Every structure is written in structure tokens, then in C-alpha cells.
C-alpha atoms as a PDB file:
ATOM      1  CA  MET A   1       1.964   8.315   8.146  1.00  0.00           C
ATOM      2  CA  SER A   2       1.133  11.713   9.367  1.00  0.00           C
ATOM      3  CA  ASP A   3      -2.579  11.440   8.288  1.00  0.00           C
ATOM      4  CA  TYR A   4      -3.056   7.867   9.563  1.00  0.00           C
ATOM      5  CA  LEU A   5      -6.290   8.831  11.283  1.00  0.00           C
ATOM      6  CA  THR A   6      -8.002   9.979   8.070  1.00  0.00           C
ATOM      7  CA  LYS A   7      -6.689   7.414   5.631  1.00  0.00           C
ATOM      8  CA  THR A   8      -8.858   4.411   4.865  1.00  0.00           C
ATOM      9  CA  LEU A   9      -7.867   1.203   6.417  1.00  0.00           C
ATOM     10  CA  SER A  10      -6.944  -0.192   3.033  1.00  0.00           C
ATOM     11  CA  GLU A  11      -4.690   2.803   2.378  1.00  0.00           C
ATOM     12  CA  LEU A  12      -3.084   2.431   5.832  1.00  0.00           C
ATOM     13  CA  ALA A  13      -2.519  -1.301   5.407  1.00  0.00           C
ATOM     14  CA  GLN A  14      -0.862  -0.683   2.006  1.00  0.00           C
ATOM     15  CA  GLU A  15       1.493   1.813   3.634  1.00  0.00           C
ATOM     16  CA  ILE A  16       2.264  -0.237   6.716  1.00  0.00           C
ATOM     17  CA  THR A  17       2.997  -3.519   4.814  1.00  0.00           C
ATOM     18  CA  ALA A  18       5.071  -1.864   2.087  1.00  0.00           C
ATOM     19  CA  ASP A  19       8.294  -2.870   3.826  1.00  0.00           C
ATOM     20  CA  GLY A  20       6.967  -6.201   5.141  1.00  0.00           C
ATOM     21  CA  THR A  21       7.283  -5.431   8.809  1.00  0.00           C
ATOM     22  CA  ILE A  22       5.523  -3.324  11.539  1.00  0.00           C
ATOM     23  CA  ASP A  23       7.843  -1.147  13.608  1.00  0.00           C
ATOM     24  CA  GLN A  24       7.177   0.455  17.000  1.00  0.00           C
ATOM     25  CA  GLU A  25       6.020   3.675  15.565  1.00  0.00           C
ATOM     26  CA  GLU A  26       3.533   2.025  13.283  1.00  0.00           C
ATOM     27  CA  VAL A  27       2.162  -0.022  16.258  1.00  0.00           C
ATOM     28  CA  THR A  28       1.538   3.298  18.161  1.00  0.00           C
ATOM     29  CA  LYS A  29      -0.359   4.630  15.210  1.00  0.00           C
ATOM     30  CA  ILE A  30      -2.295   1.474  14.630  1.00  0.00           C
ATOM     31  CA  ARG A  31      -3.254   1.392  18.284  1.00  0.00           C
ATOM     32  CA  GLU A  32      -4.525   5.027  18.215  1.00  0.00           C
ATOM     33  CA  ARG A  33      -6.500   4.407  14.977  1.00  0.00           C
ATOM     34  CA  VAL A  34      -8.249   1.142  16.029  1.00  0.00           C
ATOM     35  CA  PHE A  35      -8.938   2.280  19.574  1.00  0.00           C
ATOM     36  CA  ALA A  36     -10.063   5.771  18.643  1.00  0.00           C
ATOM     37  CA  ASP A  37     -13.697   5.098  19.413  1.00  0.00           C
ATOM     38  CA  GLY A  38     -12.888   2.633  22.213  1.00  0.00           C
ATOM     39  CA  LYS A  39     -13.911  -0.534  20.436  1.00  0.00           C
ATOM     40  CA  ILE A  40     -12.748  -2.804  17.597  1.00  0.00           C
ATOM     41  CA  ASP A  41     -15.351  -3.232  14.848  1.00  0.00           C
ATOM     42  CA  GLN A  42     -15.265  -5.983  12.189  1.00  0.00           C
ATOM     43  CA  ASP A  43     -13.449  -3.797   9.648  1.00  0.00           C
ATOM     44  CA  GLU A  44     -10.727  -3.010  12.150  1.00  0.00           C
ATOM     45  CA  ALA A  45     -10.458  -6.614  13.148  1.00  0.00           C
ATOM     46  CA  ASP A  46     -10.184  -7.559   9.420  1.00  0.00           C
ATOM     47  CA  PHE A  47      -7.443  -4.801   8.976  1.00  0.00           C
ATOM     48  CA  LEU A  48      -5.417  -6.216  11.995  1.00  0.00           C
ATOM     49  CA  PHE A  49      -5.596  -9.692  10.538  1.00  0.00           C
ATOM     50  CA  ASP A  50      -4.499  -8.521   7.161  1.00  0.00           C
ATOM     51  CA  LEU A  51      -1.518  -6.686   8.669  1.00  0.00           C
ATOM     52  CA  ASN A  52      -0.543  -9.719  10.655  1.00  0.00           C
ATOM     53  CA  ASP A  53      -0.812 -12.033   7.607  1.00  0.00           C
ATOM     54  CA  ALA A  54       1.208  -9.611   5.392  1.00  0.00           C
ATOM     55  CA  THR A  55       4.152  -8.919   7.693  1.00  0.00           C
ATOM     56  CA  SER A  56       6.838 -10.769   9.665  1.00  0.00           C
ATOM     57  CA  ASN A  57       9.613  -9.864  12.050  1.00  0.00           C
ATOM     58  CA  ASN A  58       7.447  -7.205  13.641  1.00  0.00           C
ATOM     59  CA  HIS A  59       8.241  -5.214  16.788  1.00  0.00           C
ATOM     60  CA  SER A  60       7.280  -7.071  19.877  1.00  0.00           C
ATOM     61  CA  SER A  61       4.568  -4.430  20.641  1.00  0.00           C
ATOM     62  CA  TRP A  62       2.665  -5.596  17.636  1.00  0.00           C
ATOM     63  CA  GLN A  63       1.809  -8.993  19.063  1.00  0.00           C
ATOM     64  CA  GLU A  64       0.669  -7.424  22.335  1.00  0.00           C
ATOM     65  CA  LEU A  65      -1.527  -4.976  20.365  1.00  0.00           C
ATOM     66  CA  PHE A  66      -2.896  -7.691  18.091  1.00  0.00           C
ATOM     67  CA  ILE A  67      -3.928  -9.971  20.977  1.00  0.00           C
ATOM     68  CA  GLU A  68      -5.358  -7.071  23.054  1.00  0.00           C
ATOM     69  CA  ALA A  69      -7.490  -5.881  20.122  1.00  0.00           C
ATOM     70  CA  ILE A  70      -8.697  -9.226  18.977  1.00  0.00           C
ATOM     71  CA  ALA A  71      -9.631 -10.177  22.569  1.00  0.00           C
ATOM     72  CA  GLN A  72     -12.133  -7.375  22.765  1.00  0.00           C
END
């Protein structure tokens, strides 16, 4: 995921969900991407919900990021 900042959210979601789980490295990259402009817009919120729905057994930092982002 070296170009995660330039991929579309759809492309990024496909890449992240390919193995059915979100690992710690992916959480870090997701955080950098969705907070890049300091706010979560509707597309980014939808992206986060899509990731959450499509994965399981995620790293514990995923839940923290998800709650933090959606609470904004």
C-alpha cells in the first residue's frame, strides 16, 4: 500500500479487505489517509463503515480508530 494517499477510497478498500482483516500497519495508513485534512467527510465515513462491515478479527487499534473517526 505504498501509494495509499493517492489511491481512491474504493481502490484502497479493495486492497485492505482482500484478506478479510485489518492489521496494525493498515490501521496506521487508514488513519493518515482519513485524517490528512483534519476532518472526516461523508465519503471517508462511508469508507470506514465499508471496511468495518467487510472485515473481522481486526487489530485492536482498528476499533479505536473507527470510534475516533466516526465520533467527529
